[in-house]
């Protein structure tokens, strides 16, 4: 199938504070749905930076895979279930693949017995930031779907993704030789 060419960046269609969902329906840019997929887009952008800073080539390759998967997450969120448009949807298998990657990397960094401060190597610091953006996106998706079962696959995917990003940050610190930075609960207190 030939790819559609993008010939312009601006259309003026959003000047009234509304945007089009996939399938053509219009909605406010401040709607919970748009907020949810906007935060997934922000996560994808942070992962783009993390990818440029990652020292481990396995991490870079995996981040590119995740970035592509996040387009599926975003298109799923941007398409109402009653739409005539039929995008790829997030599946249970997508979260299972993340679990497999966690299980693959975890023995390399070992168990934790202490809390870890975000930071260390530059790639690790960006992955910790991505993890927090992922958690925020997860909260926005949960707020959008509420008690509905509709968004469950997306919520599970984002939850596993934040876990994987934590593990990958640890991998980056190990690769860089910086090690973990553990929380010192006594520091920062007045007495």
C-alpha atoms as a PDB file:
ATOM      1  CA  UNK A   1       0.000   0.000   0.000  1.00  0.00           C
ATOM      2  CA  UNK A   2       1.487   3.383  -0.946  1.00  0.00           C
ATOM      3  CA  UNK A   3       2.186   5.724   1.945  1.00  0.00           C
ATOM      4  CA  UNK A   4       0.231   8.937   2.156  1.00  0.00           C
ATOM      5  CA  UNK A   5       2.427  11.986   1.652  1.00  0.00           C
ATOM      6  CA  UNK A   6       2.329  14.804   4.142  1.00  0.00           C
ATOM      7  CA  UNK A   7       2.455  17.958   2.076  1.00  0.00           C
ATOM      8  CA  UNK A   8       1.801  20.550   4.778  1.00  0.00           C
ATOM      9  CA  UNK A   9       2.252  20.824   8.519  1.00  0.00           C
ATOM     10  CA  UNK A  10      -0.395  23.429   9.226  1.00  0.00           C
ATOM     11  CA  UNK A  11      -4.073  23.209   8.309  1.00  0.00           C
ATOM     12  CA  UNK A  12      -5.697  25.830  10.522  1.00  0.00           C
ATOM     13  CA  UNK A  13      -8.315  23.257  11.533  1.00  0.00           C
ATOM     14  CA  UNK A  14      -7.212  23.380  15.169  1.00  0.00           C
ATOM     15  CA  UNK A  15      -7.383  27.151  15.517  1.00  0.00           C
ATOM     16  CA  UNK A  16     -10.759  26.864  17.277  1.00  0.00           C
ATOM     17  CA  UNK A  17      -9.308  24.726  20.089  1.00  0.00           C
ATOM     18  CA  UNK A  18     -10.562  21.467  18.621  1.00  0.00           C
ATOM     19  CA  UNK A  19      -8.803  18.570  16.945  1.00  0.00           C
ATOM     20  CA  UNK A  20      -9.858  15.630  14.827  1.00  0.00           C
ATOM     21  CA  UNK A  21      -9.742  12.121  16.208  1.00  0.00           C
ATOM     22  CA  UNK A  22      -8.871   9.265  13.879  1.00  0.00           C
ATOM     23  CA  UNK A  23     -12.038   8.640  11.910  1.00  0.00           C
ATOM     24  CA  UNK A  24     -12.893  12.341  11.658  1.00  0.00           C
ATOM     25  CA  UNK A  25     -14.828  13.116  14.851  1.00  0.00           C
ATOM     26  CA  UNK A  26     -13.887  16.511  16.353  1.00  0.00           C
ATOM     27  CA  UNK A  27     -13.205  17.078  20.048  1.00  0.00           C
ATOM     28  CA  UNK A  28     -11.726  19.703  22.373  1.00  0.00           C
ATOM     29  CA  UNK A  29      -7.929  19.707  22.645  1.00  0.00           C
ATOM     30  CA  UNK A  30      -8.388  19.783  26.425  1.00  0.00           C
ATOM     31  CA  UNK A  31     -10.483  16.600  26.471  1.00  0.00           C
ATOM     32  CA  UNK A  32      -9.296  13.683  28.626  1.00  0.00           C
ATOM     33  CA  UNK A  33      -8.824  11.577  25.474  1.00  0.00           C
ATOM     34  CA  UNK A  34      -6.544  14.138  23.820  1.00  0.00           C
ATOM     35  CA  UNK A  35      -4.688  14.649  27.105  1.00  0.00           C
ATOM     36  CA  UNK A  36      -4.074  10.890  27.348  1.00  0.00           C
ATOM     37  CA  UNK A  37      -2.662  10.451  23.866  1.00  0.00           C
ATOM     38  CA  UNK A  38      -0.774  13.742  24.168  1.00  0.00           C
ATOM     39  CA  UNK A  39       1.066  12.386  27.184  1.00  0.00           C
ATOM     40  CA  UNK A  40       1.865   9.192  25.273  1.00  0.00           C
ATOM     41  CA  UNK A  41       3.305  11.440  22.558  1.00  0.00           C
ATOM     42  CA  UNK A  42       5.360  13.299  25.178  1.00  0.00           C
ATOM     43  CA  UNK A  43       6.651   9.952  26.447  1.00  0.00           C
ATOM     44  CA  UNK A  44       7.655   9.019  22.910  1.00  0.00           C
ATOM     45  CA  UNK A  45       9.598  12.275  22.592  1.00  0.00           C
ATOM     46  CA  UNK A  46      11.426  11.727  25.884  1.00  0.00           C
ATOM     47  CA  UNK A  47      12.304   8.213  24.698  1.00  0.00           C
ATOM     48  CA  UNK A  48      13.727   9.786  21.537  1.00  0.00           C
ATOM     49  CA  UNK A  49      16.155  11.769  23.669  1.00  0.00           C
ATOM     50  CA  UNK A  50      16.897   8.753  25.881  1.00  0.00           C
ATOM     51  CA  UNK A  51      17.713   6.785  22.746  1.00  0.00           C
ATOM     52  CA  UNK A  52      20.354   9.322  21.728  1.00  0.00           C
ATOM     53  CA  UNK A  53      21.899   9.237  25.218  1.00  0.00           C
ATOM     54  CA  UNK A  54      21.818   5.470  25.827  1.00  0.00           C
ATOM     55  CA  UNK A  55      25.243   3.869  25.916  1.00  0.00           C
ATOM     56  CA  UNK A  56      24.058   0.291  25.540  1.00  0.00           C
ATOM     57  CA  UNK A  57      23.170  -0.582  21.911  1.00  0.00           C
ATOM     58  CA  UNK A  58      20.590  -3.138  23.104  1.00  0.00           C
ATOM     59  CA  UNK A  59      18.802  -0.378  25.008  1.00  0.00           C
ATOM     60  CA  UNK A  60      18.836   1.926  21.964  1.00  0.00           C
ATOM     61  CA  UNK A  61      17.383  -0.799  19.742  1.00  0.00           C
ATOM     62  CA  UNK A  62      14.670  -1.639  22.274  1.00  0.00           C
ATOM     63  CA  UNK A  63      13.748   2.032  22.722  1.00  0.00           C
ATOM     64  CA  UNK A  64      13.167   2.359  18.957  1.00  0.00           C
ATOM     65  CA  UNK A  65      10.854  -0.672  19.102  1.00  0.00           C
ATOM     66  CA  UNK A  66       8.984   0.890  22.019  1.00  0.00           C
ATOM     67  CA  UNK A  67       8.668   4.210  20.178  1.00  0.00           C
ATOM     68  CA  UNK A  68       6.974   2.411  17.292  1.00  0.00           C
ATOM     69  CA  UNK A  69       4.664   0.566  19.696  1.00  0.00           C
ATOM     70  CA  UNK A  70       3.710   3.889  21.303  1.00  0.00           C
ATOM     71  CA  UNK A  71       2.280   4.981  17.954  1.00  0.00           C
ATOM     72  CA  UNK A  72      -0.097   2.029  18.267  1.00  0.00           C
ATOM     73  CA  UNK A  73      -0.969   3.162  21.804  1.00  0.00           C
ATOM     74  CA  UNK A  74      -1.582   6.715  20.587  1.00  0.00           C
ATOM     75  CA  UNK A  75      -3.692   5.690  17.597  1.00  0.00           C
ATOM     76  CA  UNK A  76      -5.725   3.355  19.812  1.00  0.00           C
ATOM     77  CA  UNK A  77      -6.401   6.237  22.219  1.00  0.00           C
ATOM     78  CA  UNK A  78      -7.172   8.639  19.351  1.00  0.00           C
ATOM     79  CA  UNK A  79      -9.785   6.358  17.778  1.00  0.00           C
ATOM     80  CA  UNK A  80     -13.202   5.994  19.401  1.00  0.00           C
ATOM     81  CA  UNK A  81     -14.522   2.421  19.414  1.00  0.00           C
ATOM     82  CA  UNK A  82     -17.462   3.447  17.219  1.00  0.00           C
ATOM     83  CA  UNK A  83     -15.175   4.972  14.574  1.00  0.00           C
ATOM     84  CA  UNK A  84     -15.241   3.772  10.984  1.00  0.00           C
ATOM     85  CA  UNK A  85     -11.443   3.986  11.044  1.00  0.00           C
ATOM     86  CA  UNK A  86      -9.765   0.756  12.117  1.00  0.00           C
ATOM     87  CA  UNK A  87      -6.283   1.367  13.587  1.00  0.00           C
ATOM     88  CA  UNK A  88      -4.035  -1.229  15.159  1.00  0.00           C
ATOM     89  CA  UNK A  89      -5.071  -1.727  18.779  1.00  0.00           C
ATOM     90  CA  UNK A  90      -2.983  -2.445  21.849  1.00  0.00           C
ATOM     91  CA  UNK A  91      -3.007  -6.143  22.684  1.00  0.00           C
ATOM     92  CA  UNK A  92      -2.208  -8.261  25.688  1.00  0.00           C
ATOM     93  CA  UNK A  93       0.733  -9.713  23.741  1.00  0.00           C
ATOM     94  CA  UNK A  94       2.384  -6.281  23.600  1.00  0.00           C
ATOM     95  CA  UNK A  95       2.595  -6.180  27.417  1.00  0.00           C
ATOM     96  CA  UNK A  96       3.820  -9.772  27.503  1.00  0.00           C
ATOM     97  CA  UNK A  97       6.701  -8.824  25.191  1.00  0.00           C
ATOM     98  CA  UNK A  98       7.683  -6.084  27.654  1.00  0.00           C
ATOM     99  CA  UNK A  99       7.603  -8.626  30.487  1.00  0.00           C
ATOM    100  CA  UNK A 100       9.918 -10.888  28.473  1.00  0.00           C
ATOM    101  CA  UNK A 101      12.370  -8.008  28.029  1.00  0.00           C
ATOM    102  CA  UNK A 102      12.234  -7.233  31.767  1.00  0.00           C
ATOM    103  CA  UNK A 103      12.958 -10.897  32.520  1.00  0.00           C
ATOM    104  CA  UNK A 104      15.837 -10.793  30.033  1.00  0.00           C
ATOM    105  CA  UNK A 105      17.548  -7.727  31.549  1.00  0.00           C
ATOM    106  CA  UNK A 106      16.754  -8.147  35.252  1.00  0.00           C
ATOM    107  CA  UNK A 107      19.344 -10.867  36.015  1.00  0.00           C
ATOM    108  CA  UNK A 108      21.978  -8.552  34.589  1.00  0.00           C
ATOM    109  CA  UNK A 109      21.299  -5.848  37.182  1.00  0.00           C
ATOM    110  CA  UNK A 110      20.101  -8.045  40.058  1.00  0.00           C
ATOM    111  CA  UNK A 111      17.603  -7.523  42.828  1.00  0.00           C
ATOM    112  CA  UNK A 112      17.237  -4.267  44.687  1.00  0.00           C
ATOM    113  CA  UNK A 113      17.093  -4.014  48.463  1.00  0.00           C
ATOM    114  CA  UNK A 114      17.119  -0.216  48.581  1.00  0.00           C
ATOM    115  CA  UNK A 115      15.375   2.652  46.837  1.00  0.00           C
ATOM    116  CA  UNK A 116      17.237   4.113  43.875  1.00  0.00           C
ATOM    117  CA  UNK A 117      17.544   7.817  43.143  1.00  0.00           C
ATOM    118  CA  UNK A 118      16.859   8.766  39.514  1.00  0.00           C
ATOM    119  CA  UNK A 119      20.133   9.656  37.850  1.00  0.00           C
ATOM    120  CA  UNK A 120      23.572   8.285  37.284  1.00  0.00           C
ATOM    121  CA  UNK A 121      24.640   8.053  33.658  1.00  0.00           C
ATOM    122  CA  UNK A 122      22.986  10.458  31.229  1.00  0.00           C
ATOM    123  CA  UNK A 123      21.093   7.661  29.472  1.00  0.00           C
ATOM    124  CA  UNK A 124      19.844   6.367  32.827  1.00  0.00           C
ATOM    125  CA  UNK A 125      18.684   9.818  33.909  1.00  0.00           C
ATOM    126  CA  UNK A 126      16.653  10.209  30.699  1.00  0.00           C
ATOM    127  CA  UNK A 127      15.141   6.752  31.166  1.00  0.00           C
ATOM    128  CA  UNK A 128      14.100   7.667  34.716  1.00  0.00           C
ATOM    129  CA  UNK A 129      12.444  10.793  33.336  1.00  0.00           C
ATOM    130  CA  UNK A 130      10.711   8.668  30.679  1.00  0.00           C
ATOM    131  CA  UNK A 131       9.510   6.331  33.437  1.00  0.00           C
ATOM    132  CA  UNK A 132       7.833   9.195  35.299  1.00  0.00           C
ATOM    133  CA  UNK A 133       6.250  10.531  32.097  1.00  0.00           C
ATOM    134  CA  UNK A 134       5.014   6.989  31.413  1.00  0.00           C
ATOM    135  CA  UNK A 135       3.414   6.843  34.872  1.00  0.00           C
ATOM    136  CA  UNK A 136       1.714  10.194  34.241  1.00  0.00           C
ATOM    137  CA  UNK A 137       0.433   8.948  30.889  1.00  0.00           C
ATOM    138  CA  UNK A 138      -0.881   5.851  32.635  1.00  0.00           C
ATOM    139  CA  UNK A 139      -2.771   8.033  35.145  1.00  0.00           C
ATOM    140  CA  UNK A 140      -4.255  10.095  32.312  1.00  0.00           C
ATOM    141  CA  UNK A 141      -5.369   6.971  30.455  1.00  0.00           C
ATOM    142  CA  UNK A 142      -6.949   5.645  33.655  1.00  0.00           C
ATOM    143  CA  UNK A 143      -8.722   8.972  34.202  1.00  0.00           C
ATOM    144  CA  UNK A 144     -10.027   8.890  30.626  1.00  0.00           C
ATOM    145  CA  UNK A 145     -11.374   5.328  30.759  1.00  0.00           C
ATOM    146  CA  UNK A 146     -12.417   5.380  34.418  1.00  0.00           C
ATOM    147  CA  UNK A 147     -14.090   2.159  35.494  1.00  0.00           C
ATOM    148  CA  UNK A 148     -14.593   0.968  31.929  1.00  0.00           C
ATOM    149  CA  UNK A 149     -12.858  -2.230  30.833  1.00  0.00           C
ATOM    150  CA  UNK A 150     -12.199  -0.600  27.448  1.00  0.00           C
ATOM    151  CA  UNK A 151      -8.690   0.707  28.060  1.00  0.00           C
ATOM    152  CA  UNK A 152      -7.374  -2.206  30.112  1.00  0.00           C
ATOM    153  CA  UNK A 153      -4.798  -3.382  27.541  1.00  0.00           C
ATOM    154  CA  UNK A 154      -3.389   0.145  27.282  1.00  0.00           C
ATOM    155  CA  UNK A 155      -3.148   0.493  31.062  1.00  0.00           C
ATOM    156  CA  UNK A 156      -1.368  -2.847  31.417  1.00  0.00           C
ATOM    157  CA  UNK A 157       1.023  -1.937  28.584  1.00  0.00           C
ATOM    158  CA  UNK A 158       1.949   1.419  30.140  1.00  0.00           C
ATOM    159  CA  UNK A 159       2.345  -0.151  33.569  1.00  0.00           C
ATOM    160  CA  UNK A 160       4.778  -2.771  32.219  1.00  0.00           C
ATOM    161  CA  UNK A 161       6.557  -0.146  30.154  1.00  0.00           C
ATOM    162  CA  UNK A 162       7.311   1.976  33.215  1.00  0.00           C
ATOM    163  CA  UNK A 163       8.722  -1.124  34.934  1.00  0.00           C
ATOM    164  CA  UNK A 164      10.892  -1.864  31.895  1.00  0.00           C
ATOM    165  CA  UNK A 165      12.142   1.727  31.747  1.00  0.00           C
ATOM    166  CA  UNK A 166      13.249   1.445  35.385  1.00  0.00           C
ATOM    167  CA  UNK A 167      15.178  -1.737  34.590  1.00  0.00           C
ATOM    168  CA  UNK A 168      16.717  -0.163  31.474  1.00  0.00           C
ATOM    169  CA  UNK A 169      17.868   2.835  33.538  1.00  0.00           C
ATOM    170  CA  UNK A 170      19.658   0.385  35.802  1.00  0.00           C
ATOM    171  CA  UNK A 171      21.193  -1.326  32.759  1.00  0.00           C
ATOM    172  CA  UNK A 172      22.449   2.042  31.533  1.00  0.00           C
ATOM    173  CA  UNK A 173      24.072   2.778  34.886  1.00  0.00           C
ATOM    174  CA  UNK A 174      25.740  -0.623  34.871  1.00  0.00           C
ATOM    175  CA  UNK A 175      26.922  -0.189  31.264  1.00  0.00           C
ATOM    176  CA  UNK A 176      28.369   3.239  32.093  1.00  0.00           C
ATOM    177  CA  UNK A 177      29.995   1.938  35.266  1.00  0.00           C
ATOM    178  CA  UNK A 178      28.275   4.513  37.455  1.00  0.00           C
ATOM    179  CA  UNK A 179      26.330   2.002  39.518  1.00  0.00           C
ATOM    180  CA  UNK A 180      23.172   2.741  41.430  1.00  0.00           C
ATOM    181  CA  UNK A 181      22.624   5.861  43.500  1.00  0.00           C
ATOM    182  CA  UNK A 182      20.737   4.742  46.593  1.00  0.00           C
ATOM    183  CA  UNK A 183      18.418   6.873  48.685  1.00  0.00           C
ATOM    184  CA  UNK A 184      19.970   8.131  51.904  1.00  0.00           C
ATOM    185  CA  UNK A 185      16.980   8.889  54.084  1.00  0.00           C
ATOM    186  CA  UNK A 186      19.158  10.825  56.534  1.00  0.00           C
ATOM    187  CA  UNK A 187      20.366  13.386  53.995  1.00  0.00           C
ATOM    188  CA  UNK A 188      18.423  16.549  53.474  1.00  0.00           C
ATOM    189  CA  UNK A 189      16.938  16.549  56.948  1.00  0.00           C
ATOM    190  CA  UNK A 190      17.573  19.257  59.499  1.00  0.00           C
ATOM    191  CA  UNK A 191      18.263  16.901  62.288  1.00  0.00           C
END
